[in-house]
Amino acid sequence: MEMPFVNIKIARDGATREQKAALIQGMTDVLVKVLNKSPNGTFVVIDEVDLENWGVGGLPLDEFRRRAAAKGS
């Protein structure tokens, strides 16, 4: 039996247990609907990455967000 595996990486900055549960349910629903996979054989893993370990645009994520917020102000 083929068992789908989904790995979601998010910044560790406050996703709630409820939000994570919604991600898990949503990814499972997509695999059931699109690929006709069994929800009982679908694995979803959420990895939370510290902001200083995530880079965007050549900057650590927290710095990137600070600069983007300053430009938006």
Protein backbone atom coordinates (compact mmCIF):
# COMPACT_ATOMS: atom_id res chain seq x y z
CA MET A 1 0.00 0.00 0.00
CA GLU A 2 1.35 3.40 -0.99
CA MET A 3 1.30 5.82 1.94
CA PRO A 4 1.58 9.52 1.11
CA PHE A 5 3.89 11.65 3.21
CA VAL A 6 3.57 15.44 3.36
CA ASN A 7 6.21 17.56 5.09
CA ILE A 8 5.24 21.15 5.93
CA LYS A 9 7.89 23.56 7.13
CA ILE A 10 6.76 26.68 8.96
CA ALA A 11 8.56 29.34 10.93
CA ARG A 12 8.48 28.79 14.68
CA ASP A 13 6.59 31.93 15.52
CA GLY A 14 3.31 31.06 17.05
CA ALA A 15 1.21 28.66 14.98
CA THR A 16 -1.38 27.33 17.37
CA ARG A 17 -2.23 23.68 17.95
CA GLU A 18 -5.57 24.36 16.23
CA GLN A 19 -3.87 25.88 13.17
CA LYS A 20 -1.53 22.90 12.91
CA ALA A 21 -4.49 20.52 13.19
CA ALA A 22 -6.20 22.43 10.36
CA LEU A 23 -3.07 22.08 8.19
CA ILE A 24 -2.94 18.34 8.86
CA GLN A 25 -6.63 17.91 8.06
CA GLY A 26 -6.41 20.11 4.97
CA MET A 27 -3.42 18.28 3.48
CA THR A 28 -5.09 14.95 4.18
CA ASP A 29 -8.31 16.14 2.50
CA VAL A 30 -6.39 17.25 -0.61
CA LEU A 31 -4.71 13.85 -0.97
CA VAL A 32 -8.02 12.07 -0.52
CA LYS A 33 -9.80 14.30 -3.05
CA VAL A 34 -7.09 14.64 -5.70
CA LEU A 35 -5.28 11.30 -5.51
CA ASN A 36 -7.97 9.13 -3.89
CA LYS A 37 -5.61 8.24 -1.02
CA SER A 38 -6.77 6.76 2.24
CA PRO A 39 -6.76 9.27 5.10
CA ASN A 40 -5.64 6.48 7.44
CA GLY A 41 -2.50 5.94 5.39
CA THR A 42 -1.63 9.62 4.91
CA PHE A 43 1.16 11.08 7.01
CA VAL A 44 1.58 14.81 7.57
CA VAL A 45 4.57 16.15 9.50
CA ILE A 46 4.97 19.79 10.49
CA ASP A 47 8.51 20.99 11.10
CA GLU A 48 8.86 24.30 12.91
CA VAL A 49 12.05 26.12 11.99
CA ASP A 50 13.61 28.79 14.22
CA LEU A 51 13.51 32.21 12.54
CA GLU A 52 17.30 32.53 12.57
CA ASN A 53 17.56 29.21 10.67
CA TRP A 54 15.27 30.30 7.83
CA GLY A 55 16.48 32.68 5.15
CA VAL A 56 14.68 34.77 2.55
CA GLY A 57 16.28 37.24 0.19
CA GLY A 58 19.71 36.68 1.72
CA LEU A 59 18.51 37.50 5.24
CA PRO A 60 17.38 35.55 8.28
CA LEU A 61 13.57 35.46 8.25
CA ASP A 62 13.13 37.73 11.28
CA GLU A 63 15.30 40.43 9.68
CA PHE A 64 13.56 40.02 6.31
CA ARG A 65 10.19 40.52 8.02
CA ARG A 66 11.45 43.60 9.90
CA ARG A 67 12.67 45.20 6.68
CA ALA A 68 9.47 44.33 4.82
CA ALA A 69 7.38 45.82 7.64
CA ALA A 70 9.50 49.00 7.64
CA LYS A 71 8.99 49.39 3.87
CA GLY A 72 5.24 48.89 4.28
CA SER A 73 4.96 51.60 6.94
